[in-house]
PDB file of N, CA and C in Angstrom:
ATOM      1  N   MET A   1    -123.424  23.647  78.571  1.00  0.00           N
ATOM      2  CA  MET A   1    -124.455  23.795  79.580  1.00  0.00           C
ATOM      3  C   MET A   1    -123.854  24.438  80.825  1.00  0.00           C
ATOM      4  N   ASN A   2    -124.647  25.257  81.486  1.00  0.00           N
ATOM      5  CA  ASN A   2    -124.230  25.953  82.686  1.00  0.00           C
ATOM      6  C   ASN A   2    -123.910  24.950  83.794  1.00  0.00           C
ATOM      7  N   GLU A   3    -122.792  25.148  84.486  1.00  0.00           N
ATOM      8  CA  GLU A   3    -122.361  24.217  85.541  1.00  0.00           C
ATOM      9  C   GLU A   3    -123.364  24.163  86.686  1.00  0.00           C
ATOM     10  N   ALA A   4    -124.028  25.294  86.981  1.00  0.00           N
ATOM     11  CA  ALA A   4    -125.024  25.307  88.053  1.00  0.00           C
ATOM     12  C   ALA A   4    -126.227  24.442  87.700  1.00  0.00           C
ATOM     13  N   VAL A   5    -126.534  24.324  86.420  1.00  0.00           N
ATOM     14  CA  VAL A   5    -127.642  23.471  85.990  1.00  0.00           C
ATOM     15  C   VAL A   5    -127.233  22.003  86.099  1.00  0.00           C
ATOM     16  N   GLN A   6    -125.998  21.682  85.748  1.00  0.00           N
ATOM     17  CA  GLN A   6    -125.515  20.311  85.809  1.00  0.00           C
ATOM     18  C   GLN A   6    -125.394  19.819  87.242  1.00  0.00           C
ATOM     19  N   ASN A   7    -124.979  20.681  88.143  1.00  0.00           N
ATOM     20  CA  ASN A   7    -124.798  20.312  89.539  1.00  0.00           C
ATOM     21  C   ASN A   7    -125.784  21.118  90.386  1.00  0.00           C
ATOM     22  N   PRO A   8    -126.858  20.503  90.858  1.00  0.00           N
ATOM     23  CA  PRO A   8    -127.874  21.250  91.604  1.00  0.00           C
ATOM     24  C   PRO A   8    -127.368  21.836  92.915  1.00  0.00           C
ATOM     25  N   LYS A   9    -126.214  21.393  93.416  1.00  0.00           N
ATOM     26  CA  LYS A   9    -125.674  21.950  94.652  1.00  0.00           C
ATOM     27  C   LYS A   9    -125.042  23.322  94.434  1.00  0.00           C
ATOM     28  N   LEU A  10    -124.678  23.616  93.190  1.00  0.00           N
ATOM     29  CA  LEU A  10    -124.091  24.913  92.882  1.00  0.00           C
ATOM     30  C   LEU A  10    -125.193  25.894  92.529  1.00  0.00           C
ATOM     31  N   LYS A  11    -125.078  27.110  93.030  1.00  0.00           N
ATOM     32  CA  LYS A  11    -126.052  28.149  92.706  1.00  0.00           C
ATOM     33  C   LYS A  11    -125.401  29.173  91.802  1.00  0.00           C
ATOM     34  N   GLU A  12    -126.159  29.594  90.827  1.00  0.00           N
ATOM     35  CA  GLU A  12    -125.673  30.629  89.935  1.00  0.00           C
ATOM     36  C   GLU A  12    -125.738  31.956  90.678  1.00  0.00           C
ATOM     37  N   ARG A  13    -124.723  32.794  90.506  1.00  0.00           N
ATOM     38  CA  ARG A  13    -124.747  34.097  91.160  1.00  0.00           C
ATOM     39  C   ARG A  13    -124.306  35.174  90.185  1.00  0.00           C
ATOM     40  N   LYS A  14    -124.791  36.359  90.416  1.00  0.00           N
ATOM     41  CA  LYS A  14    -124.423  37.493  89.591  1.00  0.00           C
ATOM     42  C   LYS A  14    -123.342  38.271  90.319  1.00  0.00           C
ATOM     43  N   VAL A  15    -122.334  38.684  89.570  1.00  0.00           N
ATOM     44  CA  VAL A  15    -121.230  39.432  90.160  1.00  0.00           C
ATOM     45  C   VAL A  15    -120.921  40.661  89.320  1.00  0.00           C
ATOM     46  N   ALA A  16    -120.281  41.613  89.959  1.00  0.00           N
ATOM     47  CA  ALA A  16    -119.691  42.757  89.274  1.00  0.00           C
ATOM     48  C   ALA A  16    -118.183  42.575  89.411  1.00  0.00           C
ATOM     49  N   ILE A  17    -117.447  42.951  88.396  1.00  0.00           N
ATOM     50  CA  ILE A  17    -115.994  42.831  88.457  1.00  0.00           C
ATOM     51  C   ILE A  17    -115.386  44.210  88.273  1.00  0.00           C
ATOM     52  N   LYS A  18    -114.684  44.653  89.283  1.00  0.00           N
ATOM     53  CA  LYS A  18    -113.978  45.935  89.226  1.00  0.00           C
ATOM     54  C   LYS A  18    -112.552  45.621  88.786  1.00  0.00           C
ATOM     55  N   ILE A  19    -112.101  46.279  87.722  1.00  0.00           N
ATOM     56  CA  ILE A  19    -110.786  46.001  87.150  1.00  0.00           C
ATOM     57  C   ILE A  19    -109.929  47.258  87.236  1.00  0.00           C
ATOM     58  N   MET A  20    -108.730  47.104  87.782  1.00  0.00           N
ATOM     59  CA  MET A  20    -107.778  48.211  87.881  1.00  0.00           C
ATOM     60  C   MET A  20    -106.457  47.801  87.258  1.00  0.00           C
ATOM     61  N   GLN A  21    -105.836  48.724  86.566  1.00  0.00           N
ATOM     62  CA  GLN A  21    -104.540  48.425  85.958  1.00  0.00           C
ATOM     63  C   GLN A  21    -103.457  48.362  87.027  1.00  0.00           C
ATOM     64  N   SER A  22    -102.703  47.276  87.009  1.00  0.00           N
ATOM     65  CA  SER A  22    -101.615  47.110  87.972  1.00  0.00           C
ATOM     66  C   SER A  22    -100.565  48.202  87.818  1.00  0.00           C
ATOM     67  N   SER A  23    -100.294  48.596  86.583  1.00  0.00           N
ATOM     68  CA  SER A  23     -99.271  49.619  86.339  1.00  0.00           C
ATOM     69  C   SER A  23     -99.658  50.957  86.965  1.00  0.00           C
ATOM     70  N   ALA A  24    -100.956  51.247  87.052  1.00  0.00           N
ATOM     71  CA  ALA A  24    -101.402  52.494  87.675  1.00  0.00           C
ATOM     72  C   ALA A  24    -101.168  52.466  89.184  1.00  0.00           C
ATOM     73  N   LEU A  25    -101.207  51.276  89.759  1.00  0.00           N
ATOM     74  CA  LEU A  25    -101.010  51.148  91.198  1.00  0.00           C
ATOM     75  C   LEU A  25     -99.540  51.186  91.602  1.00  0.00           C
ATOM     76  N   VAL A  26     -98.666  50.758  90.699  1.00  0.00           N
ATOM     77  CA  VAL A  26     -97.244  50.616  91.029  1.00  0.00           C
ATOM     78  C   VAL A  26     -96.616  51.933  91.463  1.00  0.00           C
ATOM     79  N   ASN A  27     -96.878  52.992  90.760  1.00  0.00           N
ATOM     80  CA  ASN A  27     -96.212  54.265  91.030  1.00  0.00           C
ATOM     81  C   ASN A  27     -97.120  55.302  91.682  1.00  0.00           C
ATOM     82  N   ASN A  28     -98.252  54.871  92.213  1.00  0.00           N
ATOM     83  CA  ASN A  28     -99.190  55.828  92.777  1.00  0.00           C
ATOM     84  C   ASN A  28     -99.572  55.390  94.190  1.00  0.00           C
ATOM     85  N   LYS A  29     -98.945  56.024  95.177  1.00  0.00           N
ATOM     86  CA  LYS A  29     -99.197  55.649  96.575  1.00  0.00           C
ATOM     87  C   LYS A  29    -100.646  55.901  96.976  1.00  0.00           C
ATOM     88  N   LYS A  30    -101.246  56.957  96.445  1.00  0.00           N
ATOM     89  CA  LYS A  30    -102.646  57.263  96.788  1.00  0.00           C
ATOM     90  C   LYS A  30    -103.576  56.168  96.297  1.00  0.00           C
ATOM     91  N   LEU A  31    -103.399  55.714  95.053  1.00  0.00           N
ATOM     92  CA  LEU A  31    -104.242  54.637  94.528  1.00  0.00           C
ATOM     93  C   LEU A  31    -104.053  53.347  95.324  1.00  0.00           C
ATOM     94  N   CYS A  32    -102.823  53.053  95.690  1.00  0.00           N
ATOM     95  CA  CYS A  32    -102.551  51.855  96.505  1.00  0.00           C
ATOM     96  C   CYS A  32    -103.238  51.961  97.862  1.00  0.00           C
ATOM     97  N   SER A  33    -103.159  53.138  98.455  1.00  0.00           N
ATOM     98  CA  SER A  33    -103.803  53.360  99.739  1.00  0.00           C
ATOM     99  C   SER A  33    -105.319  53.261  99.610  1.00  0.00           C
ATOM    100  N   ASP A  34    -105.872  53.832  98.543  1.00  0.00           N
ATOM    101  CA  ASP A  34    -107.322  53.757  98.307  1.00  0.00           C
ATOM    102  C   ASP A  34    -107.781  52.308  98.139  1.00  0.00           C
ATOM    103  N   LEU A  35    -107.020  51.525  97.377  1.00  0.00           N
ATOM    104  CA  LEU A  35    -107.358  50.116  97.181  1.00  0.00           C
ATOM    105  C   LEU A  35    -107.275  49.359  98.500  1.00  0.00           C
ATOM    106  N   ASP A  36    -106.238  49.609  99.263  1.00  0.00           N
ATOM    107  CA  ASP A  36    -106.081  48.966 100.566  1.00  0.00           C
ATOM    108  C   ASP A  36    -107.268  49.292 101.472  1.00  0.00           C
ATOM    109  N   ASN A  37    -107.664  50.558 101.499  1.00  0.00           N
ATOM    110  CA  ASN A  37    -108.814  50.960 102.318  1.00  0.00           C
ATOM    111  C   ASN A  37    -110.099  50.300 101.834  1.00  0.00           C
ATOM    112  N   GLU A  38    -110.291  50.244 100.522  1.00  0.00           N
ATOM    113  CA  GLU A  38    -111.492  49.611  99.971  1.00  0.00           C
ATOM    114  C   GLU A  38    -111.563  48.136 100.362  1.00  0.00           C
ATOM    115  N   LEU A  39    -110.435  47.439 100.263  1.00  0.00           N
ATOM    116  CA  LEU A  39    -110.402  46.022 100.634  1.00  0.00           C
ATOM    117  C   LEU A  39    -110.703  45.829 102.116  1.00  0.00           C
ATOM    118  N   ARG A  40    -110.133  46.687 102.952  1.00  0.00           N
ATOM    119  CA  ARG A  40    -110.381  46.593 104.396  1.00  0.00           C
ATOM    120  C   ARG A  40    -111.860  46.799 104.727  1.00  0.00           C
ATOM    121  N   VAL A  41    -112.486  47.772 104.055  1.00  0.00           N
ATOM    122  CA  VAL A  41    -113.909  48.037 104.295  1.00  0.00           C
ATOM    123  C   VAL A  41    -114.749  46.848 103.852  1.00  0.00           C
ATOM    124  N   HIS A  42    -114.454  46.325 102.660  1.00  0.00           N
ATOM    125  CA  HIS A  42    -115.210  45.162 102.175  1.00  0.00           C
ATOM    126  C   HIS A  42    -115.081  43.975 103.117  1.00  0.00           C
ATOM    127  N   TRP A  43    -113.872  43.677 103.574  1.00  0.00           N
ATOM    128  CA  TRP A  43    -113.689  42.532 104.467  1.00  0.00           C
ATOM    129  C   TRP A  43    -114.345  42.776 105.813  1.00  0.00           C
ATOM    130  N   ALA A  44    -114.281  44.013 106.309  1.00  0.00           N
ATOM    131  CA  ALA A  44    -114.885  44.317 107.611  1.00  0.00           C
ATOM    132  C   ALA A  44    -116.402  44.202 107.576  1.00  0.00           C
ATOM    133  N   LEU A  45    -117.014  44.506 106.425  1.00  0.00           N
ATOM    134  CA  LEU A  45    -118.470  44.507 106.305  1.00  0.00           C
ATOM    135  C   LEU A  45    -119.018  43.289 105.575  1.00  0.00           C
ATOM    136  N   ARG A  46    -118.204  42.262 105.406  1.00  0.00           N
ATOM    137  CA  ARG A  46    -118.597  41.117 104.584  1.00  0.00           C
ATOM    138  C   ARG A  46    -119.831  40.377 105.086  1.00  0.00           C
ATOM    139  N   ASP A  47    -120.134  40.465 106.361  1.00  0.00           N
ATOM    140  CA  ASP A  47    -121.295  39.751 106.905  1.00  0.00           C
ATOM    141  C   ASP A  47    -122.522  40.635 107.069  1.00  0.00           C
ATOM    142  N   CYS A  48    -122.442  41.883 106.645  1.00  0.00           N
ATOM    143  CA  CYS A  48    -123.572  42.805 106.784  1.00  0.00           C
ATOM    144  C   CYS A  48    -124.547  42.634 105.622  1.00  0.00           C
ATOM    145  N   ASP A  49    -125.826  42.606 105.938  1.00  0.00           N
ATOM    146  CA  ASP A  49    -126.849  42.509 104.905  1.00  0.00           C
ATOM    147  C   ASP A  49    -126.913  43.813 104.104  1.00  0.00           C
ATOM    148  N   GLY A  50    -127.149  43.682 102.825  1.00  0.00           N
ATOM    149  CA  GLY A  50    -127.332  44.841 101.968  1.00  0.00           C
ATOM    150  C   GLY A  50    -126.050  45.531 101.548  1.00  0.00           C
ATOM    151  N   ILE A  51    -124.912  44.979 101.908  1.00  0.00           N
ATOM    152  CA  ILE A  51    -123.624  45.569 101.533  1.00  0.00           C
ATOM    153  C   ILE A  51    -123.063  44.773 100.365  1.00  0.00           C
ATOM    154  N   LEU A  52    -122.555  45.470  99.379  1.00  0.00           N
ATOM    155  CA  LEU A  52    -121.910  44.823  98.238  1.00  0.00           C
ATOM    156  C   LEU A  52    -120.702  44.051  98.766  1.00  0.00           C
ATOM    157  N   SER A  53    -120.709  42.740  98.629  1.00  0.00           N
ATOM    158  CA  SER A  53    -119.690  41.887  99.241  1.00  0.00           C
ATOM    159  C   SER A  53    -118.548  41.581  98.285  1.00  0.00           C
ATOM    160  N   LEU A  54    -117.341  41.699  98.780  1.00  0.00           N
ATOM    161  CA  LEU A  54    -116.167  41.289  98.017  1.00  0.00           C
ATOM    162  C   LEU A  54    -116.050  39.786  98.148  1.00  0.00           C
ATOM    163  N   ARG A  55    -116.138  39.072  97.041  1.00  0.00           N
ATOM    164  CA  ARG A  55    -116.101  37.613  97.068  1.00  0.00           C
ATOM    165  C   ARG A  55    -114.724  37.062  96.744  1.00  0.00           C
ATOM    166  N   GLU A  56    -114.045  37.670  95.798  1.00  0.00           N
ATOM    167  CA  GLU A  56    -112.742  37.153  95.376  1.00  0.00           C
ATOM    168  C   GLU A  56    -111.871  38.302  94.906  1.00  0.00           C
ATOM    169  N   LEU A  57    -110.577  38.080  94.952  1.00  0.00           N
ATOM    170  CA  LEU A  57    -109.600  39.057  94.488  1.00  0.00           C
ATOM    171  C   LEU A  57    -108.566  38.310  93.666  1.00  0.00           C
ATOM    172  N   TYR A  58    -108.322  38.803  92.459  1.00  0.00           N
ATOM    173  CA  TYR A  58    -107.332  38.189  91.571  1.00  0.00           C
ATOM    174  C   TYR A  58    -106.372  39.260  91.095  1.00  0.00           C
ATOM    175  N   GLU A  59    -105.187  38.816  90.737  1.00  0.00           N
ATOM    176  CA  GLU A  59    -104.191  39.731  90.176  1.00  0.00           C
ATOM    177  C   GLU A  59    -103.392  38.981  89.122  1.00  0.00           C
ATOM    178  N   ASP A  60    -103.139  39.656  88.011  1.00  0.00           N
ATOM    179  CA  ASP A  60    -102.221  39.104  87.019  1.00  0.00           C
ATOM    180  C   ASP A  60    -101.205  40.196  86.689  1.00  0.00           C
ATOM    181  N   ASP A  61    -100.424  40.023  85.646  1.00  0.00           N
ATOM    182  CA  ASP A  61     -99.379  40.990  85.318  1.00  0.00           C
ATOM    183  C   ASP A  61     -99.932  42.351  84.921  1.00  0.00           C
ATOM    184  N   LEU A  62    -101.168  42.394  84.437  1.00  0.00           N
ATOM    185  CA  LEU A  62    -101.724  43.641  83.923  1.00  0.00           C
ATOM    186  C   LEU A  62    -102.798  44.279  84.803  1.00  0.00           C
ATOM    187  N   PHE A  63    -103.569  43.458  85.501  1.00  0.00           N
ATOM    188  CA  PHE A  63    -104.733  43.991  86.201  1.00  0.00           C
ATOM    189  C   PHE A  63    -104.920  43.372  87.585  1.00  0.00           C
ATOM    190  N   VAL A  64    -105.678  44.087  88.407  1.00  0.00           N
ATOM    191  CA  VAL A  64    -106.192  43.590  89.678  1.00  0.00           C
ATOM    192  C   VAL A  64    -107.709  43.523  89.505  1.00  0.00           C
ATOM    193  N   TYR A  65    -108.312  42.396  89.894  1.00  0.00           N
ATOM    194  CA  TYR A  65    -109.743  42.167  89.700  1.00  0.00           C
ATOM    195  C   TYR A  65    -110.413  41.967  91.056  1.00  0.00           C
ATOM    196  N   LEU A  66    -111.422  42.756  91.349  1.00  0.00           N
ATOM    197  CA  LEU A  66    -112.232  42.565  92.545  1.00  0.00           C
ATOM    198  C   LEU A  66    -113.574  42.011  92.090  1.00  0.00           C
ATOM    199  N   VAL A  67    -113.934  40.840  92.582  1.00  0.00           N
ATOM    200  CA  VAL A  67    -115.207  40.210  92.222  1.00  0.00           C
ATOM    201  C   VAL A  67    -116.186  40.514  93.352  1.00  0.00           C
ATOM    202  N   LEU A  68    -117.226  41.270  93.017  1.00  0.00           N
ATOM    203  CA  LEU A  68    -118.209  41.727  93.985  1.00  0.00           C
ATOM    204  C   LEU A  68    -119.535  41.025  93.751  1.00  0.00           C
ATOM    205  N   ASP A  69    -120.159  40.577  94.818  1.00  0.00           N
ATOM    206  CA  ASP A  69    -121.427  39.854  94.734  1.00  0.00           C
ATOM    207  C   ASP A  69    -122.568  40.836  94.519  1.00  0.00           C
ATOM    208  N   LEU A  70    -123.330  40.621  93.450  1.00  0.00           N
ATOM    209  CA  LEU A  70    -124.467  41.483  93.154  1.00  0.00           C
ATOM    210  C   LEU A  70    -125.771  40.976  93.736  1.00  0.00           C
ATOM    211  N   SER A  71    -125.781  39.828  94.339  1.00  0.00           N
ATOM    212  CA  SER A  71    -127.035  39.226  94.791  1.00  0.00           C
ATOM    213  C   SER A  71    -127.707  40.036  95.894  1.00  0.00           C
ATOM    214  N   LEU A  72    -126.968  40.866  96.587  1.00  0.00           N
ATOM    215  CA  LEU A  72    -127.545  41.647  97.675  1.00  0.00           C
ATOM    216  C   LEU A  72    -128.088  42.988  97.214  1.00  0.00           C
ATOM    217  N   ILE A  73    -127.838  43.347  95.979  1.00  0.00           N
ATOM    218  CA  ILE A  73    -128.275  44.643  95.474  1.00  0.00           C
ATOM    219  C   ILE A  73    -129.654  44.505  94.848  1.00  0.00           C
ATOM    220  N   HIS A  74    -130.536  45.368  95.244  1.00  0.00           N
ATOM    221  CA  HIS A  74    -131.861  45.378  94.635  1.00  0.00           C
ATOM    222  C   HIS A  74    -131.883  46.507  93.612  1.00  0.00           C
ATOM    223  N   ILE A  75    -132.008  46.151  92.364  1.00  0.00           N
ATOM    224  CA  ILE A  75    -132.068  47.140  91.300  1.00  0.00           C
ATOM    225  C   ILE A  75    -133.507  47.188  90.824  1.00  0.00           C
ATOM    226  N   SER A  76    -134.154  48.289  91.089  1.00  0.00           N
ATOM    227  CA  SER A  76    -135.556  48.391  90.705  1.00  0.00           C
ATOM    228  C   SER A  76    -135.717  49.231  89.454  1.00  0.00           C
ATOM    229  N   GLU A  77    -136.796  48.979  88.773  1.00  0.00           N
ATOM    230  CA  GLU A  77    -137.098  49.759  87.579  1.00  0.00           C
ATOM    231  C   GLU A  77    -137.733  51.062  88.025  1.00  0.00           C
ATOM    232  N   PRO A  78    -137.594  52.110  87.212  1.00  0.00           N
ATOM    233  CA  PRO A  78    -138.217  53.385  87.581  1.00  0.00           C
ATOM    234  C   PRO A  78    -139.734  53.204  87.742  1.00  0.00           C
ATOM    235  N   THR A  79    -140.275  53.869  88.712  1.00  0.00           N
ATOM    236  CA  THR A  79    -141.722  53.781  88.922  1.00  0.00           C
ATOM    237  C   THR A  79    -142.409  54.925  88.202  1.00  0.00           C
ATOM    238  N   ARG A  80    -143.602  54.648  87.729  1.00  0.00           N
ATOM    239  CA  ARG A  80    -144.401  55.662  87.058  1.00  0.00           C
ATOM    240  C   ARG A  80    -145.401  56.226  88.064  1.00  0.00           C
ATOM    241  N   PRO A  81    -145.625  57.515  87.982  1.00  0.00           N
ATOM    242  CA  PRO A  81    -146.616  58.089  88.897  1.00  0.00           C
ATOM    243  C   PRO A  81    -148.017  57.560  88.585  1.00  0.00           C
ATOM    244  N   ARG A  82    -148.792  57.344  89.611  1.00  0.00           N
ATOM    245  CA  ARG A  82    -150.164  56.886  89.404  1.00  0.00           C
ATOM    246  C   ARG A  82    -151.031  58.066  88.996  1.00  0.00           C
ATOM    247  N   LEU A  83    -151.892  57.813  88.028  1.00  0.00           N
ATOM    248  CA  LEU A  83    -152.799  58.869  87.552  1.00  0.00           C
ATOM    249  C   LEU A  83    -154.176  58.700  88.123  1.00  0.00           C
TER     250      LEU A  83
END
């Protein structure tokens, strides 16, 4: 059973996970700089409405994981023209 269902204080949330290979970052200064800039932008804008929020950051031996909150994104279905 879903933990959010068992504990009413927890809310279920949708996230996107951006995954980057750690080995690609090790020898590439541009990629490291790009990641650093992306993290700075996410943290600087974390309280802005409508901005994809960085919620968590993880790293293991193979990958770096950015967990982004999808709850602020409105994904609409294509609209059909009225006849």
